[in-house]
Amino acid sequence: MPADWGPVIVAVILFILLSPGLLFQLPARTRVIEFGNMYTSGIAILVHSIVFFVILTILVIAIGVHVHAG
């Protein structure tokens, strides 16, 4: 039976893109959003975690992204 790598690939890509401070930080220190500041805070980690979970759930469960290997 082939392995389904879709959820793993989607999770890794989202984890990299949604790391607080890498591409953007929501909420930022002085504004609502800042881009590429490489800083983070506890509330930003919480917000990015919720956004990660929502997007991952939509892509994996609702849309059904599948990558079969093997």
C-alpha atoms as a PDB file:
ATOM      1  CA  MET A   1       0.000   0.000   0.000  1.00  0.00           C
ATOM      2  CA  PRO A   2       1.523   3.366  -1.001  1.00  0.00           C
ATOM      3  CA  ALA A   3       2.216   5.962   1.657  1.00  0.00           C
ATOM      4  CA  ASP A   4       0.305   9.260   1.639  1.00  0.00           C
ATOM      5  CA  TRP A   5       2.898  12.047   1.912  1.00  0.00           C
ATOM      6  CA  GLY A   6       0.471  14.931   1.230  1.00  0.00           C
ATOM      7  CA  PRO A   7      -0.194  15.935   4.851  1.00  0.00           C
ATOM      8  CA  VAL A   8       3.523  15.720   5.702  1.00  0.00           C
ATOM      9  CA  ILE A   9       4.587  17.886   2.763  1.00  0.00           C
ATOM     10  CA  VAL A  10       1.853  20.456   3.410  1.00  0.00           C
ATOM     11  CA  ALA A  11       2.714  20.613   7.129  1.00  0.00           C
ATOM     12  CA  VAL A  12       6.440  21.126   6.486  1.00  0.00           C
ATOM     13  CA  ILE A  13       5.859  23.871   3.907  1.00  0.00           C
ATOM     14  CA  LEU A  14       3.356  25.666   6.147  1.00  0.00           C
ATOM     15  CA  PHE A  15       5.661  25.345   9.166  1.00  0.00           C
ATOM     16  CA  ILE A  16       8.478  27.031   7.251  1.00  0.00           C
ATOM     17  CA  LEU A  17       6.302  29.763   5.733  1.00  0.00           C
ATOM     18  CA  LEU A  18       4.369  30.527   8.926  1.00  0.00           C
ATOM     19  CA  SER A  19       7.334  30.710  11.305  1.00  0.00           C
ATOM     20  CA  PRO A  20       6.807  33.988  13.198  1.00  0.00           C
ATOM     21  CA  GLY A  21       9.216  36.653  12.020  1.00  0.00           C
ATOM     22  CA  LEU A  22      10.523  34.806   8.966  1.00  0.00           C
ATOM     23  CA  LEU A  23       8.216  36.201   6.271  1.00  0.00           C
ATOM     24  CA  PHE A  24       5.844  38.162   8.487  1.00  0.00           C
ATOM     25  CA  GLN A  25       4.806  38.549  12.094  1.00  0.00           C
ATOM     26  CA  LEU A  26       1.206  38.946  13.134  1.00  0.00           C
ATOM     27  CA  PRO A  27       0.773  40.833  15.508  1.00  0.00           C
ATOM     28  CA  ALA A  28       4.013  42.770  15.473  1.00  0.00           C
ATOM     29  CA  ARG A  29       5.547  44.926  18.184  1.00  0.00           C
ATOM     30  CA  THR A  30       4.579  48.338  16.806  1.00  0.00           C
ATOM     31  CA  ARG A  31       2.105  47.521  14.021  1.00  0.00           C
ATOM     32  CA  VAL A  32      -0.480  44.908  13.256  1.00  0.00           C
ATOM     33  CA  ILE A  33       1.834  43.162  10.777  1.00  0.00           C
ATOM     34  CA  GLU A  34       5.544  43.462   9.969  1.00  0.00           C
ATOM     35  CA  PHE A  35       7.489  41.699   7.251  1.00  0.00           C
ATOM     36  CA  GLY A  36      10.872  40.017   7.718  1.00  0.00           C
ATOM     37  CA  ASN A  37      11.697  41.454  11.129  1.00  0.00           C
ATOM     38  CA  MET A  38      13.103  38.136  12.549  1.00  0.00           C
ATOM     39  CA  TYR A  39      11.597  38.846  15.994  1.00  0.00           C
ATOM     40  CA  THR A  40       8.801  37.019  17.753  1.00  0.00           C
ATOM     41  CA  SER A  41       6.623  37.141  20.823  1.00  0.00           C
ATOM     42  CA  GLY A  42       4.350  34.767  22.689  1.00  0.00           C
ATOM     43  CA  ILE A  43       1.167  36.179  21.191  1.00  0.00           C
ATOM     44  CA  ALA A  44       2.668  35.987  17.677  1.00  0.00           C
ATOM     45  CA  ILE A  45       3.491  32.313  18.241  1.00  0.00           C
ATOM     46  CA  LEU A  46      -0.096  31.693  19.353  1.00  0.00           C
ATOM     47  CA  VAL A  47      -1.593  33.524  16.352  1.00  0.00           C
ATOM     48  CA  HIS A  48       0.719  31.769  13.874  1.00  0.00           C
ATOM     49  CA  SER A  49      -0.123  28.388  15.475  1.00  0.00           C
ATOM     50  CA  ILE A  50      -3.835  28.988  15.033  1.00  0.00           C
ATOM     51  CA  VAL A  51      -3.356  30.120  11.420  1.00  0.00           C
ATOM     52  CA  PHE A  52      -1.166  27.045  10.776  1.00  0.00           C
ATOM     53  CA  PHE A  53      -3.827  24.698  12.195  1.00  0.00           C
ATOM     54  CA  VAL A  54      -6.656  26.315  10.207  1.00  0.00           C
ATOM     55  CA  ILE A  55      -4.800  26.260   6.866  1.00  0.00           C
ATOM     56  CA  LEU A  56      -3.513  22.711   7.440  1.00  0.00           C
ATOM     57  CA  THR A  57      -7.003  21.495   8.298  1.00  0.00           C
ATOM     58  CA  ILE A  58      -8.496  23.118   5.212  1.00  0.00           C
ATOM     59  CA  LEU A  59      -5.835  21.729   2.881  1.00  0.00           C
ATOM     60  CA  VAL A  60      -5.649  18.201   4.293  1.00  0.00           C
ATOM     61  CA  ILE A  61      -9.212  17.459   5.370  1.00  0.00           C
ATOM     62  CA  ALA A  62     -11.501  19.749   3.368  1.00  0.00           C
ATOM     63  CA  ILE A  63      -9.603  19.836   0.055  1.00  0.00           C
ATOM     64  CA  GLY A  64      -7.832  16.511   0.515  1.00  0.00           C
ATOM     65  CA  VAL A  65      -4.256  17.049  -0.644  1.00  0.00           C
ATOM     66  CA  HIS A  66      -2.698  13.636  -1.330  1.00  0.00           C
ATOM     67  CA  VAL A  67       0.763  12.671  -2.596  1.00  0.00           C
ATOM     68  CA  HIS A  68       1.200   8.933  -2.990  1.00  0.00           C
ATOM     69  CA  ALA A  69       4.698   7.478  -3.153  1.00  0.00           C
ATOM     70  CA  GLY A  70       5.867   3.989  -3.630  1.00  0.00           C
END
